[in-house]
Amino acid sequence: MDLITLINARKIIMQHSQEKLPMPLAYKFAKFLKETESDEAFYNEKFLEIVNQYRQRDENGNFVESDNGILLVASETEKCKEELKELGNTKVNLPNIRFSLHELSILKLSVQDIFILEELIEEK
């Protein structure tokens, strides 16, 4: 599984983490989040390392920010994007947690959500 797919799956699950769900599904969501916590920490750490490497700095060496957020060195933007893409494409182990269509049927999910969760869904 690609690391970015795992990160996006975590986001989808987190969106539903405050909902009252059937106990078995809530338990699986909790186990999934716990099992993949270190993957997210790794992604966040590497993401910041890459972005900080290409961020604009002022004359004092401080990061330059804009109203829209982070400013990258213009000539390095493509290189930064490529490194972030490589990070996202990093292969990670598929988590041990799987969800059945029946379990997920109580959720309102988009087609995009299903594409992201597809590797975690078992059809029975």
PDB file of N, CA and C in Angstrom:
ATOM      1  N   MET A   1       0.858  -1.172   0.000  1.00  0.00           N
ATOM      2  CA  MET A   1       0.000   0.000   0.000  1.00  0.00           C
ATOM      3  C   MET A   1       0.904   1.234   0.000  1.00  0.00           C
ATOM      4  N   ASP A   2       0.530   2.236  -0.771  1.00  0.00           N
ATOM      5  CA  ASP A   2       1.267   3.494  -0.784  1.00  0.00           C
ATOM      6  C   ASP A   2       1.014   4.241   0.524  1.00  0.00           C
ATOM      7  N   LEU A   3       2.040   4.909   1.011  1.00  0.00           N
ATOM      8  CA  LEU A   3       1.942   5.651   2.262  1.00  0.00           C
ATOM      9  C   LEU A   3       0.856   6.719   2.185  1.00  0.00           C
ATOM     10  N   ILE A   4       0.740   7.412   1.061  1.00  0.00           N
ATOM     11  CA  ILE A   4      -0.264   8.471   0.956  1.00  0.00           C
ATOM     12  C   ILE A   4      -1.678   7.896   1.003  1.00  0.00           C
ATOM     13  N   THR A   5      -1.881   6.694   0.485  1.00  0.00           N
ATOM     14  CA  THR A   5      -3.188   6.049   0.563  1.00  0.00           C
ATOM     15  C   THR A   5      -3.518   5.732   2.013  1.00  0.00           C
ATOM     16  N   LEU A   6      -2.529   5.255   2.750  1.00  0.00           N
ATOM     17  CA  LEU A   6      -2.727   4.973   4.170  1.00  0.00           C
ATOM     18  C   LEU A   6      -3.061   6.254   4.930  1.00  0.00           C
ATOM     19  N   ILE A   7      -2.342   7.319   4.645  1.00  0.00           N
ATOM     20  CA  ILE A   7      -2.588   8.604   5.311  1.00  0.00           C
ATOM     21  C   ILE A   7      -4.003   9.098   4.995  1.00  0.00           C
ATOM     22  N   ASN A   8      -4.413   8.974   3.744  1.00  0.00           N
ATOM     23  CA  ASN A   8      -5.757   9.404   3.356  1.00  0.00           C
ATOM     24  C   ASN A   8      -6.836   8.512   3.974  1.00  0.00           C
ATOM     25  N   ALA A   9      -6.557   7.216   4.117  1.00  0.00           N
ATOM     26  CA  ALA A   9      -7.498   6.309   4.785  1.00  0.00           C
ATOM     27  C   ALA A   9      -7.662   6.730   6.247  1.00  0.00           C
ATOM     28  N   ARG A  10      -6.546   7.087   6.878  1.00  0.00           N
ATOM     29  CA  ARG A  10      -6.621   7.570   8.263  1.00  0.00           C
ATOM     30  C   ARG A  10      -7.496   8.827   8.354  1.00  0.00           C
ATOM     31  N   LYS A  11      -7.375   9.718   7.379  1.00  0.00           N
ATOM     32  CA  LYS A  11      -8.186  10.943   7.385  1.00  0.00           C
ATOM     33  C   LYS A  11      -9.671  10.615   7.291  1.00  0.00           C
ATOM     34  N   ILE A  12     -10.023   9.682   6.425  1.00  0.00           N
ATOM     35  CA  ILE A  12     -11.425   9.282   6.272  1.00  0.00           C
ATOM     36  C   ILE A  12     -11.942   8.696   7.574  1.00  0.00           C
ATOM     37  N   ILE A  13     -11.156   7.819   8.170  1.00  0.00           N
ATOM     38  CA  ILE A  13     -11.572   7.195   9.429  1.00  0.00           C
ATOM     39  C   ILE A  13     -11.676   8.243  10.529  1.00  0.00           C
ATOM     40  N   MET A  14     -10.734   9.167  10.580  1.00  0.00           N
ATOM     41  CA  MET A  14     -10.788  10.235  11.584  1.00  0.00           C
ATOM     42  C   MET A  14     -12.032  11.109  11.416  1.00  0.00           C
ATOM     43  N   GLN A  15     -12.489  11.303  10.184  1.00  0.00           N
ATOM     44  CA  GLN A  15     -13.701  12.086   9.942  1.00  0.00           C
ATOM     45  C   GLN A  15     -14.912  11.445  10.608  1.00  0.00           C
ATOM     46  N   HIS A  16     -14.860  10.135  10.777  1.00  0.00           N
ATOM     47  CA  HIS A  16     -15.985   9.409  11.375  1.00  0.00           C
ATOM     48  C   HIS A  16     -15.719   9.010  12.824  1.00  0.00           C
ATOM     49  N   SER A  17     -14.590   9.421  13.366  1.00  0.00           N
ATOM     50  CA  SER A  17     -14.178   8.953  14.692  1.00  0.00           C
ATOM     51  C   SER A  17     -15.027   9.516  15.840  1.00  0.00           C
ATOM     52  N   GLN A  18     -15.721  10.596  15.622  1.00  0.00           N
ATOM     53  CA  GLN A  18     -16.556  11.169  16.678  1.00  0.00           C
ATOM     54  C   GLN A  18     -18.018  10.734  16.564  1.00  0.00           C
ATOM     55  N   GLU A  19     -18.340   9.989  15.508  1.00  0.00           N
ATOM     56  CA  GLU A  19     -19.706   9.499  15.329  1.00  0.00           C
ATOM     57  C   GLU A  19     -19.958   8.312  16.248  1.00  0.00           C
ATOM     58  N   LYS A  20     -21.200   8.130  16.634  1.00  0.00           N
ATOM     59  CA  LYS A  20     -21.594   6.942  17.384  1.00  0.00           C
ATOM     60  C   LYS A  20     -21.756   5.818  16.362  1.00  0.00           C
ATOM     61  N   LEU A  21     -20.862   4.841  16.436  1.00  0.00           N
ATOM     62  CA  LEU A  21     -20.836   3.731  15.483  1.00  0.00           C
ATOM     63  C   LEU A  21     -21.107   2.432  16.223  1.00  0.00           C
ATOM     64  N   PRO A  22     -21.508   1.397  15.494  1.00  0.00           N
ATOM     65  CA  PRO A  22     -21.615   0.092  16.148  1.00  0.00           C
ATOM     66  C   PRO A  22     -20.266  -0.272  16.765  1.00  0.00           C
ATOM     67  N   MET A  23     -20.309  -0.874  17.924  1.00  0.00           N
ATOM     68  CA  MET A  23     -19.093  -1.157  18.679  1.00  0.00           C
ATOM     69  C   MET A  23     -18.035  -1.885  17.856  1.00  0.00           C
ATOM     70  N   PRO A  24     -18.362  -2.943  17.090  1.00  0.00           N
ATOM     71  CA  PRO A  24     -17.303  -3.632  16.336  1.00  0.00           C
ATOM     72  C   PRO A  24     -16.579  -2.717  15.335  1.00  0.00           C
ATOM     73  N   LEU A  25     -17.314  -1.828  14.675  1.00  0.00           N
ATOM     74  CA  LEU A  25     -16.691  -0.919  13.716  1.00  0.00           C
ATOM     75  C   LEU A  25     -15.860   0.139  14.441  1.00  0.00           C
ATOM     76  N   ALA A  26     -16.386   0.688  15.512  1.00  0.00           N
ATOM     77  CA  ALA A  26     -15.631   1.683  16.293  1.00  0.00           C
ATOM     78  C   ALA A  26     -14.335   1.055  16.807  1.00  0.00           C
ATOM     79  N   TYR A  27     -14.406  -0.173  17.261  1.00  0.00           N
ATOM     80  CA  TYR A  27     -13.221  -0.877  17.760  1.00  0.00           C
ATOM     81  C   TYR A  27     -12.206  -1.069  16.636  1.00  0.00           C
ATOM     82  N   LYS A  28     -12.660  -1.485  15.466  1.00  0.00           N
ATOM     83  CA  LYS A  28     -11.747  -1.670  14.334  1.00  0.00           C
ATOM     84  C   LYS A  28     -11.121  -0.348  13.908  1.00  0.00           C
ATOM     85  N   PHE A  29     -11.912   0.719  13.899  1.00  0.00           N
ATOM     86  CA  PHE A  29     -11.373   2.034  13.570  1.00  0.00           C
ATOM     87  C   PHE A  29     -10.277   2.415  14.569  1.00  0.00           C
ATOM     88  N   ALA A  30     -10.531   2.198  15.851  1.00  0.00           N
ATOM     89  CA  ALA A  30      -9.543   2.526  16.881  1.00  0.00           C
ATOM     90  C   ALA A  30      -8.274   1.700  16.683  1.00  0.00           C
ATOM     91  N   LYS A  31      -8.437   0.414  16.414  1.00  0.00           N
ATOM     92  CA  LYS A  31      -7.269  -0.456  16.200  1.00  0.00           C
ATOM     93  C   LYS A  31      -6.500  -0.033  14.955  1.00  0.00           C
ATOM     94  N   PHE A  32      -7.209   0.321  13.886  1.00  0.00           N
ATOM     95  CA  PHE A  32      -6.560   0.779  12.662  1.00  0.00           C
ATOM     96  C   PHE A  32      -5.740   2.036  12.926  1.00  0.00           C
ATOM     97  N   LEU A  33      -6.337   3.000  13.609  1.00  0.00           N
ATOM     98  CA  LEU A  33      -5.637   4.249  13.899  1.00  0.00           C
ATOM     99  C   LEU A  33      -4.409   3.998  14.771  1.00  0.00           C
ATOM    100  N   LYS A  34      -4.551   3.126  15.743  1.00  0.00           N
ATOM    101  CA  LYS A  34      -3.426   2.801  16.626  1.00  0.00           C
ATOM    102  C   LYS A  34      -2.319   2.091  15.851  1.00  0.00           C
ATOM    103  N   GLU A  35      -2.705   1.141  14.996  1.00  0.00           N
ATOM    104  CA  GLU A  35      -1.730   0.353  14.228  1.00  0.00           C
ATOM    105  C   GLU A  35      -0.963   1.208  13.220  1.00  0.00           C
ATOM    106  N   THR A  36      -1.580   2.262  12.724  1.00  0.00           N
ATOM    107  CA  THR A  36      -0.960   3.066  11.661  1.00  0.00           C
ATOM    108  C   THR A  36      -0.410   4.399  12.169  1.00  0.00           C
ATOM    109  N   GLU A  37      -0.416   4.587  13.473  1.00  0.00           N
ATOM    110  CA  GLU A  37       0.055   5.831  14.069  1.00  0.00           C
ATOM    111  C   GLU A  37       1.510   6.139  13.702  1.00  0.00           C
ATOM    112  N   SER A  38       2.368   5.135  13.753  1.00  0.00           N
ATOM    113  CA  SER A  38       3.782   5.369  13.453  1.00  0.00           C
ATOM    114  C   SER A  38       3.988   5.701  11.972  1.00  0.00           C
ATOM    115  N   ASP A  39       3.147   5.153  11.086  1.00  0.00           N
ATOM    116  CA  ASP A  39       3.238   5.495   9.664  1.00  0.00           C
ATOM    117  C   ASP A  39       2.920   6.966   9.451  1.00  0.00           C
ATOM    118  N   GLU A  40       1.896   7.458  10.155  1.00  0.00           N
ATOM    119  CA  GLU A  40       1.542   8.863  10.020  1.00  0.00           C
ATOM    120  C   GLU A  40       2.638   9.758  10.603  1.00  0.00           C
ATOM    121  N   ALA A  41       3.210   9.362  11.727  1.00  0.00           N
ATOM    122  CA  ALA A  41       4.294  10.143  12.330  1.00  0.00           C
ATOM    123  C   ALA A  41       5.493  10.214  11.376  1.00  0.00           C
ATOM    124  N   PHE A  42       5.824   9.087  10.746  1.00  0.00           N
ATOM    125  CA  PHE A  42       6.912   9.044   9.769  1.00  0.00           C
ATOM    126  C   PHE A  42       6.612   9.983   8.607  1.00  0.00           C
ATOM    127  N   TYR A  43       5.389   9.902   8.064  1.00  0.00           N
ATOM    128  CA  TYR A  43       4.999  10.741   6.930  1.00  0.00           C
ATOM    129  C   TYR A  43       5.115  12.226   7.305  1.00  0.00           C
ATOM    130  N   ASN A  44       4.561  12.594   8.450  1.00  0.00           N
ATOM    131  CA  ASN A  44       4.579  14.000   8.864  1.00  0.00           C
ATOM    132  C   ASN A  44       6.002  14.510   9.059  1.00  0.00           C
ATOM    133  N   GLU A  45       6.851  13.696   9.659  1.00  0.00           N
ATOM    134  CA  GLU A  45       8.239  14.084   9.880  1.00  0.00           C
ATOM    135  C   GLU A  45       8.971  14.293   8.555  1.00  0.00           C
ATOM    136  N   LYS A  46       8.839  13.338   7.642  1.00  0.00           N
ATOM    137  CA  LYS A  46       9.523  13.436   6.349  1.00  0.00           C
ATOM    138  C   LYS A  46       8.944  14.569   5.507  1.00  0.00           C
ATOM    139  N   PHE A  47       7.627  14.760   5.564  1.00  0.00           N
ATOM    140  CA  PHE A  47       6.976  15.846   4.833  1.00  0.00           C
ATOM    141  C   PHE A  47       7.574  17.187   5.257  1.00  0.00           C
ATOM    142  N   LEU A  48       7.670  17.398   6.567  1.00  0.00           N
ATOM    143  CA  LEU A  48       8.236  18.657   7.069  1.00  0.00           C
ATOM    144  C   LEU A  48       9.700  18.813   6.682  1.00  0.00           C
ATOM    145  N   GLU A  49      10.466  17.742   6.742  1.00  0.00           N
ATOM    146  CA  GLU A  49      11.876  17.802   6.334  1.00  0.00           C
ATOM    147  C   GLU A  49      12.001  18.256   4.883  1.00  0.00           C
ATOM    148  N   ILE A  50      11.186  17.661   4.017  1.00  0.00           N
ATOM    149  CA  ILE A  50      11.248  17.995   2.588  1.00  0.00           C
ATOM    150  C   ILE A  50      10.833  19.444   2.358  1.00  0.00           C
ATOM    151  N   VAL A  51       9.690  19.830   2.912  1.00  0.00           N
ATOM    152  CA  VAL A  51       9.182  21.190   2.700  1.00  0.00           C
ATOM    153  C   VAL A  51      10.154  22.220   3.271  1.00  0.00           C
ATOM    154  N   ASN A  52      10.662  21.968   4.455  1.00  0.00           N
ATOM    155  CA  ASN A  52      11.587  22.931   5.069  1.00  0.00           C
ATOM    156  C   ASN A  52      12.876  23.078   4.270  1.00  0.00           C
ATOM    157  N   GLN A  53      13.268  22.034   3.582  1.00  0.00           N
ATOM    158  CA  GLN A  53      14.470  22.090   2.746  1.00  0.00           C
ATOM    159  C   GLN A  53      14.291  23.074   1.583  1.00  0.00           C
ATOM    160  N   TYR A  54      13.063  23.258   1.112  1.00  0.00           N
ATOM    161  CA  TYR A  54      12.801  24.094  -0.069  1.00  0.00           C
ATOM    162  C   TYR A  54      12.065  25.397   0.261  1.00  0.00           C
ATOM    163  N   ARG A  55      11.866  25.697   1.527  1.00  0.00           N
ATOM    164  CA  ARG A  55      11.164  26.924   1.916  1.00  0.00           C
ATOM    165  C   ARG A  55      12.060  28.137   1.756  1.00  0.00           C
ATOM    166  N   GLN A  56      11.419  29.242   1.412  1.00  0.00           N
ATOM    167  CA  GLN A  56      12.135  30.517   1.338  1.00  0.00           C
ATOM    168  C   GLN A  56      12.491  30.971   2.746  1.00  0.00           C
ATOM    169  N   ARG A  57      13.645  31.606   2.858  1.00  0.00           N
ATOM    170  CA  ARG A  57      14.099  32.156   4.142  1.00  0.00           C
ATOM    171  C   ARG A  57      14.433  33.638   3.942  1.00  0.00           C
ATOM    172  N   ASP A  58      14.248  34.377   5.012  1.00  0.00           N
ATOM    173  CA  ASP A  58      14.621  35.797   4.946  1.00  0.00           C
ATOM    174  C   ASP A  58      16.106  35.950   5.261  1.00  0.00           C
ATOM    175  N   GLU A  59      16.569  37.197   5.340  1.00  0.00           N
ATOM    176  CA  GLU A  59      17.998  37.460   5.564  1.00  0.00           C
ATOM    177  C   GLU A  59      18.489  36.955   6.922  1.00  0.00           C
ATOM    178  N   ASN A  60      17.565  36.701   7.857  1.00  0.00           N
ATOM    179  CA  ASN A  60      17.933  36.174   9.181  1.00  0.00           C
ATOM    180  C   ASN A  60      17.836  34.650   9.242  1.00  0.00           C
ATOM    181  N   GLY A  61      17.474  34.038   8.126  1.00  0.00           N
ATOM    182  CA  GLY A  61      17.345  32.587   8.097  1.00  0.00           C
ATOM    183  C   GLY A  61      16.004  32.063   8.558  1.00  0.00           C
ATOM    184  N   ASN A  62      15.049  32.958   8.811  1.00  0.00           N
ATOM    185  CA  ASN A  62      13.700  32.549   9.231  1.00  0.00           C
ATOM    186  C   ASN A  62      12.846  32.238   8.009  1.00  0.00           C
ATOM    187  N   PHE A  63      11.921  31.306   8.176  1.00  0.00           N
ATOM    188  CA  PHE A  63      11.029  30.952   7.075  1.00  0.00           C
ATOM    189  C   PHE A  63      10.128  32.125   6.717  1.00  0.00           C
ATOM    190  N   VAL A  64       9.933  32.313   5.406  1.00  0.00           N
ATOM    191  CA  VAL A  64       9.048  33.356   4.900  1.00  0.00           C
ATOM    192  C   VAL A  64       7.667  32.734   4.701  1.00  0.00           C
ATOM    193  N   GLU A  65       6.659  33.437   5.179  1.00  0.00           N
ATOM    194  CA  GLU A  65       5.285  32.955   5.033  1.00  0.00           C
ATOM    195  C   GLU A  65       4.485  33.980   4.231  1.00  0.00           C
ATOM    196  N   SER A  66       3.414  33.500   3.624  1.00  0.00           N
ATOM    197  CA  SER A  66       2.499  34.398   2.923  1.00  0.00           C
ATOM    198  C   SER A  66       1.117  34.193   3.514  1.00  0.00           C
ATOM    199  N   ASP A  67       0.161  34.959   3.020  1.00  0.00           N
ATOM    200  CA  ASP A  67      -1.219  34.798   3.487  1.00  0.00           C
ATOM    201  C   ASP A  67      -1.737  33.396   3.161  1.00  0.00           C
ATOM    202  N   ASN A  68      -1.182  32.801   2.095  1.00  0.00           N
ATOM    203  CA  ASN A  68      -1.618  31.472   1.666  1.00  0.00           C
ATOM    204  C   ASN A  68      -0.824  30.349   2.324  1.00  0.00           C
ATOM    205  N   GLY A  69       0.129  30.682   3.182  1.00  0.00           N
ATOM    206  CA  GLY A  69       0.901  29.651   3.873  1.00  0.00           C
ATOM    207  C   GLY A  69       2.373  29.695   3.542  1.00  0.00           C
ATOM    208  N   ILE A  70       2.914  28.553   3.225  1.00  0.00           N
ATOM    209  CA  ILE A  70       4.347  28.366   3.001  1.00  0.00           C
ATOM    210  C   ILE A  70       4.764  28.910   1.640  1.00  0.00           C
ATOM    211  N   LEU A  71       5.915  29.557   1.609  1.00  0.00           N
ATOM    212  CA  LEU A  71       6.505  29.997   0.343  1.00  0.00           C
ATOM    213  C   LEU A  71       7.730  29.134   0.055  1.00  0.00           C
ATOM    214  N   LEU A  72       7.747  28.525  -1.121  1.00  0.00           N
ATOM    215  CA  LEU A  72       8.890  27.722  -1.539  1.00  0.00           C
ATOM    216  C   LEU A  72       9.793  28.557  -2.429  1.00  0.00           C
ATOM    217  N   VAL A  73      11.066  28.182  -2.479  1.00  0.00           N
ATOM    218  CA  VAL A  73      11.990  28.807  -3.424  1.00  0.00           C
ATOM    219  C   VAL A  73      11.466  28.460  -4.813  1.00  0.00           C
ATOM    220  N   ALA A  74      11.165  29.456  -5.611  1.00  0.00           N
ATOM    221  CA  ALA A  74      10.496  29.252  -6.900  1.00  0.00           C
ATOM    222  C   ALA A  74      11.225  28.254  -7.793  1.00  0.00           C
ATOM    223  N   SER A  75      12.527  28.323  -7.853  1.00  0.00           N
ATOM    224  CA  SER A  75      13.282  27.440  -8.740  1.00  0.00           C
ATOM    225  C   SER A  75      13.329  25.999  -8.236  1.00  0.00           C
ATOM    226  N   GLU A  76      12.900  25.773  -7.000  1.00  0.00           N
ATOM    227  CA  GLU A  76      12.961  24.441  -6.389  1.00  0.00           C
ATOM    228  C   GLU A  76      11.585  23.792  -6.213  1.00  0.00           C
ATOM    229  N   THR A  77      10.524  24.457  -6.658  1.00  0.00           N
ATOM    230  CA  THR A  77       9.169  23.965  -6.440  1.00  0.00           C
ATOM    231  C   THR A  77       8.943  22.580  -7.024  1.00  0.00           C
ATOM    232  N   GLU A  78       9.370  22.375  -8.260  1.00  0.00           N
ATOM    233  CA  GLU A  78       9.169  21.073  -8.907  1.00  0.00           C
ATOM    234  C   GLU A  78       9.940  19.965  -8.198  1.00  0.00           C
ATOM    235  N   LYS A  79      11.150  20.283  -7.773  1.00  0.00           N
ATOM    236  CA  LYS A  79      11.957  19.299  -7.054  1.00  0.00           C
ATOM    237  C   LYS A  79      11.272  18.915  -5.739  1.00  0.00           C
ATOM    238  N   CYS A  80      10.721  19.899  -5.050  1.00  0.00           N
ATOM    239  CA  CYS A  80       9.996  19.658  -3.804  1.00  0.00           C
ATOM    240  C   CYS A  80       8.776  18.777  -4.062  1.00  0.00           C
ATOM    241  N   LYS A  81       8.014  19.107  -5.090  1.00  0.00           N
ATOM    242  CA  LYS A  81       6.829  18.314  -5.432  1.00  0.00           C
ATOM    243  C   LYS A  81       7.202  16.870  -5.746  1.00  0.00           C
ATOM    244  N   GLU A  82       8.298  16.686  -6.456  1.00  0.00           N
ATOM    245  CA  GLU A  82       8.746  15.335  -6.818  1.00  0.00           C
ATOM    246  C   GLU A  82       9.137  14.536  -5.575  1.00  0.00           C
ATOM    247  N   GLU A  83       9.835  15.166  -4.652  1.00  0.00           N
ATOM    248  CA  GLU A  83      10.228  14.474  -3.420  1.00  0.00           C
ATOM    249  C   GLU A  83       9.006  14.133  -2.572  1.00  0.00           C
ATOM    250  N   LEU A  84       8.027  15.026  -2.539  1.00  0.00           N
ATOM    251  CA  LEU A  84       6.796  14.748  -1.798  1.00  0.00           C
ATOM    252  C   LEU A  84       6.019  13.609  -2.451  1.00  0.00           C
ATOM    253  N   LYS A  85       6.032  13.573  -3.784  1.00  0.00           N
ATOM    254  CA  LYS A  85       5.372  12.484  -4.497  1.00  0.00           C
ATOM    255  C   LYS A  85       6.056  11.154  -4.186  1.00  0.00           C
ATOM    256  N   GLU A  86       7.387  11.148  -4.177  1.00  0.00           N
ATOM    257  CA  GLU A  86       8.137   9.935  -3.836  1.00  0.00           C
ATOM    258  C   GLU A  86       7.815   9.476  -2.422  1.00  0.00           C
ATOM    259  N   LEU A  87       7.721  10.420  -1.494  1.00  0.00           N
ATOM    260  CA  LEU A  87       7.352  10.088  -0.121  1.00  0.00           C
ATOM    261  C   LEU A  87       5.981   9.426  -0.090  1.00  0.00           C
ATOM    262  N   GLY A  88       5.028  10.025  -0.781  1.00  0.00           N
ATOM    263  CA  GLY A  88       3.670   9.467  -0.815  1.00  0.00           C
ATOM    264  C   GLY A  88       3.610   8.089  -1.440  1.00  0.00           C
ATOM    265  N   ASN A  89       4.489   7.834  -2.394  1.00  0.00           N
ATOM    266  CA  ASN A  89       4.512   6.536  -3.082  1.00  0.00           C
ATOM    267  C   ASN A  89       5.312   5.467  -2.324  1.00  0.00           C
ATOM    268  N   THR A  90       5.882   5.835  -1.187  1.00  0.00           N
ATOM    269  CA  THR A  90       6.615   4.864  -0.369  1.00  0.00           C
ATOM    270  C   THR A  90       5.687   3.709  -0.015  1.00  0.00           C
ATOM    271  N   LYS A  91       6.160   2.503  -0.219  1.00  0.00           N
ATOM    272  CA  LYS A  91       5.354   1.319   0.091  1.00  0.00           C
ATOM    273  C   LYS A  91       5.429   1.021   1.587  1.00  0.00           C
ATOM    274  N   VAL A  92       4.265   0.781   2.170  1.00  0.00           N
ATOM    275  CA  VAL A  92       4.172   0.391   3.578  1.00  0.00           C
ATOM    276  C   VAL A  92       3.355  -0.889   3.662  1.00  0.00           C
ATOM    277  N   ASN A  93       3.504  -1.588   4.757  1.00  0.00           N
ATOM    278  CA  ASN A  93       2.740  -2.817   4.948  1.00  0.00           C
ATOM    279  C   ASN A  93       1.264  -2.502   5.070  1.00  0.00           C
ATOM    280  N   LEU A  94       0.471  -3.325   4.435  1.00  0.00           N
ATOM    281  CA  LEU A  94      -0.975  -3.199   4.546  1.00  0.00           C
ATOM    282  C   LEU A  94      -1.356  -3.518   5.988  1.00  0.00           C
ATOM    283  N   PRO A  95      -2.107  -2.648   6.648  1.00  0.00           N
ATOM    284  CA  PRO A  95      -2.495  -2.924   8.033  1.00  0.00           C
ATOM    285  C   PRO A  95      -3.263  -4.238   8.142  1.00  0.00           C
ATOM    286  N   ASN A  96      -3.235  -4.837   9.323  1.00  0.00           N
ATOM    287  CA  ASN A  96      -3.924  -6.109   9.553  1.00  0.00           C
ATOM    288  C   ASN A  96      -5.437  -5.957   9.634  1.00  0.00           C
ATOM    289  N   ILE A  97      -5.911  -4.752   9.787  1.00  0.00           N
ATOM    290  CA  ILE A  97      -7.342  -4.488   9.941  1.00  0.00           C
ATOM    291  C   ILE A  97      -8.002  -4.419   8.567  1.00  0.00           C
ATOM    292  N   ARG A  98      -9.099  -5.127   8.416  1.00  0.00           N
ATOM    293  CA  ARG A  98      -9.905  -5.077   7.188  1.00  0.00           C
ATOM    294  C   ARG A  98     -11.351  -4.784   7.593  1.00  0.00           C
ATOM    295  N   PHE A  99     -12.068  -4.168   6.675  1.00  0.00           N
ATOM    296  CA  PHE A  99     -13.463  -3.806   6.920  1.00  0.00           C
ATOM    297  C   PHE A  99     -14.344  -4.479   5.879  1.00  0.00           C
ATOM    298  N   SER A 100     -15.485  -4.969   6.309  1.00  0.00           N
ATOM    299  CA  SER A 100     -16.422  -5.572   5.363  1.00  0.00           C
ATOM    300  C   SER A 100     -17.333  -4.477   4.808  1.00  0.00           C
ATOM    301  N   LEU A 101     -17.902  -4.763   3.665  1.00  0.00           N
ATOM    302  CA  LEU A 101     -18.868  -3.823   3.086  1.00  0.00           C
ATOM    303  C   LEU A 101     -20.026  -3.619   4.055  1.00  0.00           C
ATOM    304  N   HIS A 102     -20.431  -4.681   4.705  1.00  0.00           N
ATOM    305  CA  HIS A 102     -21.538  -4.595   5.666  1.00  0.00           C
ATOM    306  C   HIS A 102     -21.196  -3.628   6.804  1.00  0.00           C
ATOM    307  N   GLU A 103     -19.980  -3.738   7.346  1.00  0.00           N
ATOM    308  CA  GLU A 103     -19.575  -2.858   8.448  1.00  0.00           C
ATOM    309  C   GLU A 103     -19.581  -1.395   8.024  1.00  0.00           C
ATOM    310  N   LEU A 104     -19.108  -1.141   6.823  1.00  0.00           N
ATOM    311  CA  LEU A 104     -18.994   0.243   6.351  1.00  0.00           C
ATOM    312  C   LEU A 104     -20.301   0.801   5.802  1.00  0.00           C
ATOM    313  N   SER A 105     -21.300  -0.063   5.643  1.00  0.00           N
ATOM    314  CA  SER A 105     -22.554   0.357   5.000  1.00  0.00           C
ATOM    315  C   SER A 105     -23.309   1.415   5.792  1.00  0.00           C
ATOM    316  N   ILE A 106     -23.012   1.566   7.067  1.00  0.00           N
ATOM    317  CA  ILE A 106     -23.709   2.592   7.853  1.00  0.00           C
ATOM    318  C   ILE A 106     -23.132   3.984   7.632  1.00  0.00           C
ATOM    319  N   LEU A 107     -21.960   4.057   6.989  1.00  0.00           N
ATOM    320  CA  LEU A 107     -21.297   5.341   6.757  1.00  0.00           C
ATOM    321  C   LEU A 107     -21.714   5.947   5.426  1.00  0.00           C
ATOM    322  N   LYS A 108     -21.661   7.244   5.352  1.00  0.00           N
ATOM    323  CA  LYS A 108     -21.861   7.956   4.093  1.00  0.00           C
ATOM    324  C   LYS A 108     -20.466   8.223   3.534  1.00  0.00           C
ATOM    325  N   LEU A 109     -20.122   7.501   2.463  1.00  0.00           N
ATOM    326  CA  LEU A 109     -18.797   7.622   1.858  1.00  0.00           C
ATOM    327  C   LEU A 109     -18.930   8.028   0.399  1.00  0.00           C
ATOM    328  N   SER A 110     -17.980   8.812  -0.062  1.00  0.00           N
ATOM    329  CA  SER A 110     -17.949   9.202  -1.467  1.00  0.00           C
ATOM    330  C   SER A 110     -17.261   8.100  -2.279  1.00  0.00           C
ATOM    331  N   VAL A 111     -17.383   8.191  -3.578  1.00  0.00           N
ATOM    332  CA  VAL A 111     -16.678   7.253  -4.450  1.00  0.00           C
ATOM    333  C   VAL A 111     -15.182   7.406  -4.228  1.00  0.00           C
ATOM    334  N   GLN A 112     -14.703   8.628  -4.061  1.00  0.00           N
ATOM    335  CA  GLN A 112     -13.284   8.868  -3.791  1.00  0.00           C
ATOM    336  C   GLN A 112     -12.851   8.185  -2.493  1.00  0.00           C
ATOM    337  N   ASP A 113     -13.706   8.250  -1.466  1.00  0.00           N
ATOM    338  CA  ASP A 113     -13.411   7.563  -0.207  1.00  0.00           C
ATOM    339  C   ASP A 113     -13.250   6.062  -0.434  1.00  0.00           C
ATOM    340  N   ILE A 114     -14.117   5.490  -1.245  1.00  0.00           N
ATOM    341  CA  ILE A 114     -14.056   4.052  -1.532  1.00  0.00           C
ATOM    342  C   ILE A 114     -12.762   3.715  -2.261  1.00  0.00           C
ATOM    343  N   PHE A 115     -12.356   4.538  -3.220  1.00  0.00           N
ATOM    344  CA  PHE A 115     -11.092   4.305  -3.918  1.00  0.00           C
ATOM    345  C   PHE A 115      -9.927   4.260  -2.915  1.00  0.00           C
ATOM    346  N   ILE A 116      -9.963   5.152  -1.957  1.00  0.00           N
ATOM    347  CA  ILE A 116      -8.898   5.217  -0.956  1.00  0.00           C
ATOM    348  C   ILE A 116      -8.931   4.005  -0.029  1.00  0.00           C
ATOM    349  N   LEU A 117     -10.115   3.612   0.394  1.00  0.00           N
ATOM    350  CA  LEU A 117     -10.263   2.504   1.347  1.00  0.00           C
ATOM    351  C   LEU A 117     -10.254   1.121   0.698  1.00  0.00           C
ATOM    352  N   GLU A 118     -10.274   1.071  -0.617  1.00  0.00           N
ATOM    353  CA  GLU A 118     -10.485  -0.184  -1.347  1.00  0.00           C
ATOM    354  C   GLU A 118      -9.587  -1.332  -0.881  1.00  0.00           C
ATOM    355  N   GLU A 119      -8.322  -1.072  -0.644  1.00  0.00           N
ATOM    356  CA  GLU A 119      -7.409  -2.147  -0.225  1.00  0.00           C
ATOM    357  C   GLU A 119      -7.725  -2.678   1.168  1.00  0.00           C
ATOM    358  N   LEU A 120      -8.506  -1.921   1.922  1.00  0.00           N
ATOM    359  CA  LEU A 120      -8.853  -2.309   3.293  1.00  0.00           C
ATOM    360  C   LEU A 120     -10.229  -2.972   3.381  1.00  0.00           C
ATOM    361  N   ILE A 121     -10.927  -3.050   2.252  1.00  0.00           N
ATOM    362  CA  ILE A 121     -12.293  -3.590   2.244  1.00  0.00           C
ATOM    363  C   ILE A 121     -12.274  -5.031   1.757  1.00  0.00           C
ATOM    364  N   GLU A 122     -12.923  -5.877   2.519  1.00  0.00           N
ATOM    365  CA  GLU A 122     -13.106  -7.280   2.120  1.00  0.00           C
ATOM    366  C   GLU A 122     -14.541  -7.446   1.663  1.00  0.00           C
ATOM    367  N   GLU A 123     -14.697  -7.946   0.471  1.00  0.00           N
ATOM    368  CA  GLU A 123     -16.037  -8.230  -0.017  1.00  0.00           C
ATOM    369  C   GLU A 123     -16.394  -9.642   0.400  1.00  0.00           C
ATOM    370  N   LYS A 124     -17.538  -9.804   1.021  1.00  0.00           N
ATOM    371  CA  LYS A 124     -17.973 -11.148   1.460  1.00  0.00           C
ATOM    372  C   LYS A 124     -19.321 -11.452   0.890  1.00  0.00           C
TER     373      LYS A 124
END
